[in-house]
Amino acid sequence: MNTALIVAAGTGRRSGLSESKILYKVNNKPLFMFSVDLFKQLGFDVVLVVSEQDFNIVQSYIDQDVKLILGGATRVESVRLGLKVVQTPYVYIHDAARPMVDKESVLKLMQALEIKDAACLFEKVTQALKHYDGKRLLTRQRDEYLLAQTPQAFLTEKIRFASLRNEEIFDDDLSLYQSFYPDDEIEIIMNEHPNPKLTFKEDFDYFKLKIEGDGMRIGHSFDLHQLVEDRPLILGGIHIEYEKGLLGHSDADVLCHAISEAMLGALALGDLGTHFPDTDPLYKDMDSTYILKKVYDMIKAQGYDVVNIDSMIYAEMPKLNPYISAMRQNISQLLNIDVEKISIKATTYEKLDAIGQGLAMAAEATLLLKKV
């Protein structure tokens, strides 16, 4: 009964992006797919109009039930080409550059078309409105003006009739419609939800922040290993002079393990046992700095980097303060991050529990990752 005609044939030269703006990705999802997914969830047929240069890339993202149409040299021409294949009674013409349109607004348009042949989303003018006549700035009553948005919804046969017979350039589809049907009453729907058209680089940054948040992720982990004889004591990749070492499948470096698992946890990537199982002989006696570097590569591949690491080693003996600077420097070099981002502290367990009795050692790490 309804078709969403999504216009995505523009290049977006003003965006400053290195590719077509409709291909701009947020959470690994190209811009045009935000609108496609919304309308499909609402049960709409979808006609997507794209440029020739983007056709193959766009086609790789969509299902067969989306009609993909080559656009024209102008938006007016692209809309006309799209309207030719619409088969439902009503059509909602929408710009892919407005990816934040919401379900509630579309449902209001659907209700409006039950009694009107055309409806449009609008927003109020909230800032002072001026007209410059070449010499002076003249105040205009902003309550008399509205800012039009998309989607704009129409009875298909009417907007298609107007489009196919039009030879002029209009600001939007509503202007075209009114030029052919001046006596039709348009249903005006005030949209209280953000629905900006992404045009400039800062618009895309805003959208990315809105969807992804500030890109910060917190991770935390605690690791404990038993102390035994005839094992070297390795912490932060540094050999510590002591009569005992930590027992484990790898070299049991609790500090590297805690930091590594905190990184995994920050991005919900599982735990160390999932990625480096102690049943795999490959990791037998492995240097845990290798594990740390591999996990760091994983978070980098997800587009994140370390803001800072705060860690604590729990050990009754030996005294670790003389080694802390070397541990910080080593982890800094391993991860290629500033040593000032790395905090390592040490404390005892005041003779309590297995740690306090010298039977075990533990480390705890909390860290912050940021999307880059």
Protein backbone atom coordinates (compact mmCIF):
# COMPACT_ATOMS: atom_id res chain seq x y z
CA MET A 1 0.00 0.00 0.00
CA ASN A 2 2.96 2.33 0.66
CA THR A 3 6.29 2.88 -1.07
CA ALA A 4 9.29 4.74 0.26
CA LEU A 5 11.07 6.43 -2.63
CA ILE A 6 14.50 7.13 -1.16
CA VAL A 7 16.62 9.56 -3.15
CA ALA A 8 20.32 8.75 -2.76
CA ALA A 9 21.83 9.90 -6.04
CA GLY A 10 23.64 13.02 -4.83
CA THR A 11 27.40 13.24 -4.43
CA GLY A 12 27.50 15.46 -1.35
CA ARG A 13 30.33 17.72 -2.49
CA ARG A 14 29.84 20.08 0.46
CA SER A 15 30.39 17.26 2.96
CA GLY A 16 34.16 17.20 2.49
CA LEU A 17 34.04 13.39 2.49
CA SER A 18 36.26 11.28 0.28
CA GLU A 19 33.28 9.25 -0.97
CA SER A 20 29.60 9.77 -1.70
CA LYS A 21 27.88 10.84 1.48
CA ILE A 22 25.29 8.06 1.24
CA LEU A 23 28.16 5.58 1.75
CA TYR A 24 29.35 7.26 4.96
CA LYS A 25 29.41 4.54 7.62
CA VAL A 26 28.28 4.71 11.22
CA ASN A 27 28.60 1.47 13.19
CA ASN A 28 29.69 -0.12 9.89
CA LYS A 29 26.34 0.78 8.33
CA PRO A 30 26.20 3.07 5.28
CA LEU A 31 24.04 6.17 5.57
CA PHE A 32 21.36 5.14 3.06
CA MET A 33 20.64 1.90 4.93
CA PHE A 34 19.29 3.75 7.98
CA SER A 35 16.31 4.94 5.92
CA VAL A 36 15.97 1.67 4.02
CA ASP A 37 15.83 -0.34 7.25
CA LEU A 38 13.27 1.97 8.88
CA PHE A 39 10.80 1.80 6.00
CA LYS A 40 11.23 -1.95 5.57
CA GLN A 41 10.48 -2.43 9.27
CA LEU A 42 7.22 -0.54 8.71
CA GLY A 43 6.26 -2.84 5.84
CA PHE A 44 6.92 -0.39 3.00
CA ASP A 45 8.03 -1.26 -0.48
CA VAL A 46 11.34 0.50 -1.07
CA VAL A 47 12.60 2.16 -4.25
CA LEU A 48 16.16 3.39 -3.92
CA VAL A 49 17.50 5.87 -6.48
CA VAL A 50 21.30 6.05 -6.67
CA SER A 51 24.03 7.38 -8.91
CA GLU A 52 25.80 5.21 -11.44
CA GLN A 53 29.10 5.44 -9.56
CA ASP A 54 27.52 4.08 -6.36
CA PHE A 55 25.22 1.51 -7.96
CA ASN A 56 27.34 -1.63 -7.48
CA ILE A 57 28.36 -0.75 -3.91
CA VAL A 58 24.77 -0.02 -2.88
CA GLN A 59 23.58 -3.21 -4.55
CA SER A 60 25.92 -5.25 -2.34
CA TYR A 61 24.05 -4.05 0.77
CA ILE A 62 20.40 -4.41 -0.18
CA ASP A 63 18.02 -7.34 -0.47
CA GLN A 64 16.32 -8.35 -3.69
CA ASP A 65 13.02 -6.85 -2.54
CA VAL A 66 14.47 -3.32 -2.76
CA LYS A 67 14.13 -1.82 -6.24
CA LEU A 68 17.39 -0.15 -7.22
CA ILE A 69 17.07 2.61 -9.84
CA LEU A 70 19.70 4.73 -11.55
CA GLY A 71 19.17 8.41 -10.81
CA GLY A 72 19.35 11.41 -13.12
CA ALA A 73 21.48 14.52 -13.33
CA THR A 74 19.24 16.40 -10.86
CA ARG A 75 17.12 15.48 -7.86
CA VAL A 76 13.97 16.35 -9.85
CA GLU A 77 14.95 13.87 -12.55
CA SER A 78 15.88 11.21 -9.98
CA VAL A 79 12.47 11.51 -8.32
CA ARG A 80 10.75 11.28 -11.71
CA LEU A 81 12.63 8.08 -12.55
CA GLY A 82 11.77 6.59 -9.19
CA LEU A 83 8.08 7.46 -9.43
CA LYS A 84 7.81 5.57 -12.71
CA VAL A 85 8.26 2.23 -10.91
CA VAL A 86 6.11 2.91 -7.82
CA GLN A 87 3.13 0.55 -7.78
CA THR A 88 1.41 1.38 -4.48
CA PRO A 89 -1.36 3.98 -3.92
CA TYR A 90 0.85 6.15 -1.70
CA VAL A 91 4.47 7.20 -1.97
CA TYR A 92 6.76 8.74 0.64
CA ILE A 93 9.60 10.66 -1.00
CA HIS A 94 12.58 10.82 1.31
CA ASP A 95 16.19 12.00 1.15
CA ALA A 96 18.77 9.42 2.22
CA ALA A 97 20.69 12.36 3.68
CA ARG A 98 18.07 12.46 6.48
CA PRO A 99 18.95 9.17 8.22
CA MET A 100 17.44 10.13 11.57
CA VAL A 101 13.79 10.11 10.51
CA ASP A 102 11.87 8.13 13.14
CA LYS A 103 9.05 5.61 13.15
CA GLU A 104 6.60 7.88 15.00
CA SER A 105 6.87 10.61 12.36
CA VAL A 106 6.25 8.17 9.51
CA LEU A 107 3.20 6.75 11.30
CA LYS A 108 1.79 10.28 11.62
CA LEU A 109 2.20 10.73 7.87
CA MET A 110 0.35 7.47 7.32
CA GLN A 111 -2.56 8.68 9.44
CA ALA A 112 -2.62 12.00 7.57
CA LEU A 113 -2.95 10.27 4.19
CA GLU A 114 -6.17 8.65 5.36
CA ILE A 115 -7.87 12.05 4.94
CA LYS A 116 -5.53 14.11 2.72
CA ASP A 117 -3.69 13.48 -0.55
CA ALA A 118 -0.47 15.11 0.63
CA ALA A 119 1.34 15.49 3.94
CA CYS A 120 4.75 16.72 5.01
CA LEU A 121 6.97 16.90 8.07
CA PHE A 122 7.98 20.35 9.24
CA GLU A 123 9.96 21.97 12.01
CA LYS A 124 9.49 25.39 13.53
CA VAL A 125 11.91 28.25 12.95
CA THR A 126 13.44 28.78 16.38
CA GLN A 127 16.01 31.49 15.63
CA ALA A 128 15.57 35.13 14.69
CA LEU A 129 14.63 35.38 11.01
CA LYS A 130 15.98 38.25 8.91
CA HIS A 131 15.71 39.38 5.29
CA TYR A 132 18.60 41.28 3.75
CA ASP A 133 17.49 43.69 1.01
CA GLY A 134 21.01 44.68 0.00
CA LYS A 135 21.26 47.47 2.52
CA ARG A 136 19.36 46.54 5.64
CA LEU A 137 18.42 43.50 7.67
CA LEU A 138 14.65 43.36 8.00
CA THR A 139 12.99 41.29 10.70
CA ARG A 140 10.50 38.64 9.64
CA GLN A 141 7.95 37.06 11.94
CA ARG A 142 9.37 33.59 12.36
CA ASP A 143 5.98 32.16 13.41
CA GLU A 144 4.86 32.66 9.82
CA TYR A 145 7.55 30.30 8.48
CA LEU A 146 8.23 26.59 8.64
CA LEU A 147 11.19 24.44 7.62
CA ALA A 148 10.17 21.52 5.42
CA GLN A 149 11.64 18.06 5.95
CA THR A 150 11.34 14.69 4.27
CA PRO A 151 9.65 12.30 3.92
CA GLN A 152 6.91 14.10 2.02
CA ALA A 153 3.97 11.81 1.37
CA PHE A 154 1.51 11.86 -1.53
CA LEU A 155 -1.20 10.04 -3.38
CA THR A 156 1.01 8.38 -5.99
CA GLU A 157 -1.11 9.12 -9.05
CA LYS A 158 -1.14 12.85 -8.27
CA ILE A 159 2.57 13.40 -7.60
CA ARG A 160 3.50 11.17 -10.54
CA PHE A 161 1.18 13.14 -12.84
CA ALA A 162 2.84 16.38 -11.70
CA SER A 163 6.37 14.99 -11.98
CA LEU A 164 5.96 13.62 -15.50
CA ARG A 165 4.54 16.90 -16.79
CA ASN A 166 6.85 19.25 -14.95
CA GLU A 167 9.61 21.21 -16.72
CA GLU A 168 10.52 23.54 -13.87
CA ILE A 169 12.91 23.25 -10.91
CA PHE A 170 11.27 23.29 -7.50
CA ASP A 171 12.80 23.41 -4.02
CA ASP A 172 11.09 20.19 -3.02
CA ASP A 173 8.38 17.73 -4.04
CA LEU A 174 5.73 19.58 -2.06
CA SER A 175 6.29 22.75 -4.13
CA LEU A 176 5.90 20.70 -7.30
CA TYR A 177 2.71 19.15 -5.98
CA GLN A 178 1.19 22.51 -5.05
CA SER A 179 2.00 23.98 -8.46
CA PHE A 180 -0.36 21.41 -10.01
CA TYR A 181 -2.89 21.19 -7.18
CA PRO A 182 -3.03 24.68 -5.63
CA ASP A 183 -6.40 24.05 -3.99
CA ASP A 184 -5.36 20.85 -2.18
CA GLU A 185 -4.95 21.17 1.56
CA ILE A 186 -1.62 19.86 2.81
CA GLU A 187 -1.48 18.09 6.17
CA ILE A 188 1.22 19.80 8.22
CA ILE A 189 2.92 17.58 10.78
CA MET A 190 5.26 19.25 13.23
CA ASN A 191 8.18 16.95 13.89
CA GLU A 192 9.51 17.15 17.43
CA HIS A 193 12.30 14.66 16.74
CA PRO A 194 15.72 15.49 15.26
CA ASN A 195 15.64 14.95 11.50
CA PRO A 196 18.46 17.08 10.06
CA LYS A 197 19.69 16.87 6.51
CA LEU A 198 23.37 15.93 6.59
CA THR A 199 25.23 18.37 4.37
CA PHE A 200 28.50 19.53 5.92
CA LYS A 201 31.24 17.59 7.70
CA GLU A 202 30.03 18.71 11.13
CA ASP A 203 26.58 17.29 10.32
CA PHE A 204 28.10 13.85 9.77
CA ASP A 205 30.15 14.17 12.97
CA TYR A 206 26.93 15.00 14.86
CA PHE A 207 25.14 11.98 13.42
CA LYS A 208 28.04 9.68 14.26
CA LEU A 209 28.11 10.98 17.83
CA LYS A 210 24.32 10.60 18.11
CA ILE A 211 24.40 6.96 16.99
CA GLU A 212 27.67 5.77 18.48
CA GLY A 213 27.68 8.00 21.55
CA ASP A 214 30.97 9.54 22.58
CA GLY A 215 32.81 6.39 21.51
CA MET A 216 34.04 5.66 25.03
CA ARG A 217 34.08 2.10 26.37
CA ILE A 218 35.19 1.04 29.87
CA GLY A 219 36.83 -2.30 30.56
CA HIS A 220 37.69 -4.04 33.84
CA SER A 221 39.28 -7.35 34.77
CA PHE A 222 40.83 -9.23 37.71
CA ASP A 223 43.27 -12.12 37.39
CA LEU A 224 44.79 -14.36 40.08
CA HIS A 225 47.45 -17.08 39.85
CA GLN A 226 49.05 -19.39 42.38
CA LEU A 227 52.69 -18.84 43.36
CA VAL A 228 54.90 -21.96 43.06
CA GLU A 229 58.56 -22.83 43.05
CA ASP A 230 60.60 -23.48 39.92
CA ARG A 231 58.70 -20.92 37.85
CA PRO A 232 59.97 -17.48 36.77
CA LEU A 233 58.00 -14.49 38.04
CA ILE A 234 56.97 -12.31 35.09
CA LEU A 235 54.90 -9.15 35.54
CA GLY A 236 54.17 -6.66 32.77
CA GLY A 237 56.66 -8.58 30.63
CA ILE A 238 59.45 -7.88 33.14
CA HIS A 239 61.38 -10.64 34.92
CA ILE A 240 61.11 -10.11 38.70
CA GLU A 241 63.80 -11.55 40.98
CA TYR A 242 61.98 -13.87 43.39
CA GLU A 243 62.11 -17.45 44.62
CA LYS A 244 58.70 -18.31 43.21
CA GLY A 245 56.75 -17.71 40.06
CA LEU A 246 53.15 -17.78 38.88
CA LEU A 247 51.54 -21.04 37.81
CA GLY A 248 49.64 -21.11 34.57
CA HIS A 249 49.38 -22.47 31.04
CA SER A 250 51.23 -19.44 29.69
CA ASP A 251 53.87 -17.56 31.68
CA ALA A 252 50.92 -16.50 33.95
CA ASP A 253 51.74 -12.78 33.82
CA VAL A 254 48.70 -11.58 35.82
CA LEU A 255 49.24 -7.93 34.91
CA CYS A 256 49.27 -8.54 31.15
CA HIS A 257 46.31 -10.88 31.55
CA ALA A 258 44.24 -8.33 33.50
CA ILE A 259 44.94 -5.54 31.00
CA SER A 260 44.28 -7.81 28.01
CA GLU A 261 40.97 -9.07 29.38
CA ALA A 262 39.87 -5.54 30.31
CA MET A 263 40.36 -4.56 26.65
CA LEU A 264 38.28 -7.53 25.50
CA GLY A 265 35.59 -6.75 28.05
CA ALA A 266 35.35 -3.11 27.01
CA LEU A 267 34.24 -4.18 23.54
CA ALA A 268 32.33 -7.29 24.64
CA LEU A 269 34.76 -9.53 22.75
CA GLY A 270 34.75 -12.37 25.29
CA ASP A 271 37.52 -13.37 27.68
CA LEU A 272 41.10 -14.64 27.41
CA GLY A 273 39.98 -18.26 27.73
CA THR A 274 37.90 -17.87 24.59
CA HIS A 275 40.73 -16.50 22.47
CA PHE A 276 43.71 -18.24 24.13
CA PRO A 277 42.38 -21.51 25.65
CA ASP A 278 44.57 -23.28 28.19
CA THR A 279 43.81 -26.55 26.37
CA ASP A 280 45.73 -25.42 23.31
CA PRO A 281 49.42 -26.48 23.38
CA LEU A 282 50.19 -23.47 21.19
CA TYR A 283 49.91 -21.23 24.25
CA LYS A 284 51.92 -23.47 26.61
CA ASP A 285 54.42 -21.24 28.50
CA MET A 286 53.70 -18.44 26.03
CA ASP A 287 55.01 -14.96 26.75
CA SER A 288 51.90 -13.01 27.82
CA THR A 289 53.14 -9.88 26.11
CA TYR A 290 52.26 -11.69 22.88
CA ILE A 291 48.70 -12.07 24.18
CA LEU A 292 48.63 -8.39 25.15
CA LYS A 293 49.76 -7.29 21.69
CA LYS A 294 47.27 -9.59 19.94
CA VAL A 295 44.37 -8.25 22.01
CA TYR A 296 45.49 -4.69 21.35
CA ASP A 297 45.49 -5.45 17.61
CA MET A 298 41.92 -6.70 18.03
CA ILE A 299 40.66 -3.45 19.58
CA LYS A 300 42.53 -1.42 16.96
CA ALA A 301 40.77 -3.44 14.28
CA GLN A 302 37.47 -2.43 15.90
CA GLY A 303 38.48 1.23 15.50
CA TYR A 304 39.39 1.88 19.15
CA ASP A 305 42.49 3.00 21.00
CA VAL A 306 43.50 3.27 24.65
CA VAL A 307 42.77 6.48 26.53
CA ASN A 308 44.34 5.28 29.78
CA ILE A 309 45.02 2.18 31.87
CA ASP A 310 44.83 2.04 35.66
CA SER A 311 46.09 -1.20 37.19
CA MET A 312 46.91 -2.67 40.57
CA ILE A 313 49.10 -5.67 41.48
CA TYR A 314 48.26 -7.51 44.72
CA ALA A 315 51.31 -9.26 46.21
CA GLU A 316 52.66 -9.73 49.70
CA MET A 317 56.18 -10.37 48.39
CA PRO A 318 58.40 -9.37 46.68
CA LYS A 319 58.45 -5.58 46.86
CA LEU A 320 57.43 -4.40 43.39
CA ASN A 321 57.98 -0.65 43.53
CA PRO A 322 61.51 -0.91 42.05
CA TYR A 323 60.03 -2.63 38.94
CA ILE A 324 56.99 -0.47 38.29
CA SER A 325 58.74 2.08 36.06
CA ALA A 326 60.17 -0.71 33.89
CA MET A 327 56.74 -2.37 33.63
CA ARG A 328 55.13 0.88 32.53
CA GLN A 329 57.83 1.50 29.94
CA ASN A 330 57.57 -2.03 28.62
CA ILE A 331 53.78 -1.94 28.21
CA SER A 332 54.08 1.52 26.64
CA GLN A 333 56.44 0.14 24.00
CA LEU A 334 54.40 -3.02 23.45
CA LEU A 335 51.22 -1.06 22.75
CA ASN A 336 52.94 1.95 21.19
CA ILE A 337 51.09 4.32 23.53
CA ASP A 338 52.34 7.12 25.77
CA VAL A 339 53.69 5.86 29.10
CA GLU A 340 51.68 8.63 30.78
CA LYS A 341 48.55 6.70 29.82
CA ILE A 342 49.63 3.72 31.93
CA SER A 343 49.28 3.55 35.71
CA ILE A 344 50.63 0.54 37.62
CA LYS A 345 50.36 0.36 41.40
CA ALA A 346 51.21 -2.37 43.91
CA THR A 347 49.77 -3.21 47.31
CA THR A 348 49.75 -6.06 49.82
CA TYR A 349 46.82 -8.02 51.27
CA GLU A 350 47.93 -7.32 54.87
CA LYS A 351 48.76 -11.00 55.48
CA LEU A 352 45.17 -11.99 54.68
CA ASP A 353 43.91 -14.76 52.39
CA ALA A 354 46.07 -16.63 49.88
CA ILE A 355 47.70 -13.45 48.57
CA GLY A 356 48.60 -12.26 52.06
CA GLN A 357 50.07 -15.63 52.91
CA GLY A 358 52.31 -15.55 49.83
CA LEU A 359 50.44 -18.37 48.08
CA ALA A 360 49.10 -16.32 45.19
CA MET A 361 49.39 -13.03 43.33
CA ALA A 362 46.71 -11.03 41.49
CA ALA A 363 46.27 -8.01 39.29
CA GLU A 364 43.32 -5.77 38.50
CA ALA A 365 42.96 -3.40 35.57
CA THR A 366 40.46 -0.75 34.56
CA LEU A 367 40.84 1.04 31.24
CA LEU A 368 39.09 3.42 28.91
CA LEU A 369 38.90 2.95 25.14
CA LYS A 370 37.90 5.61 22.65
CA LYS A 371 36.62 5.29 19.10
CA VAL A 372 39.13 6.88 16.72
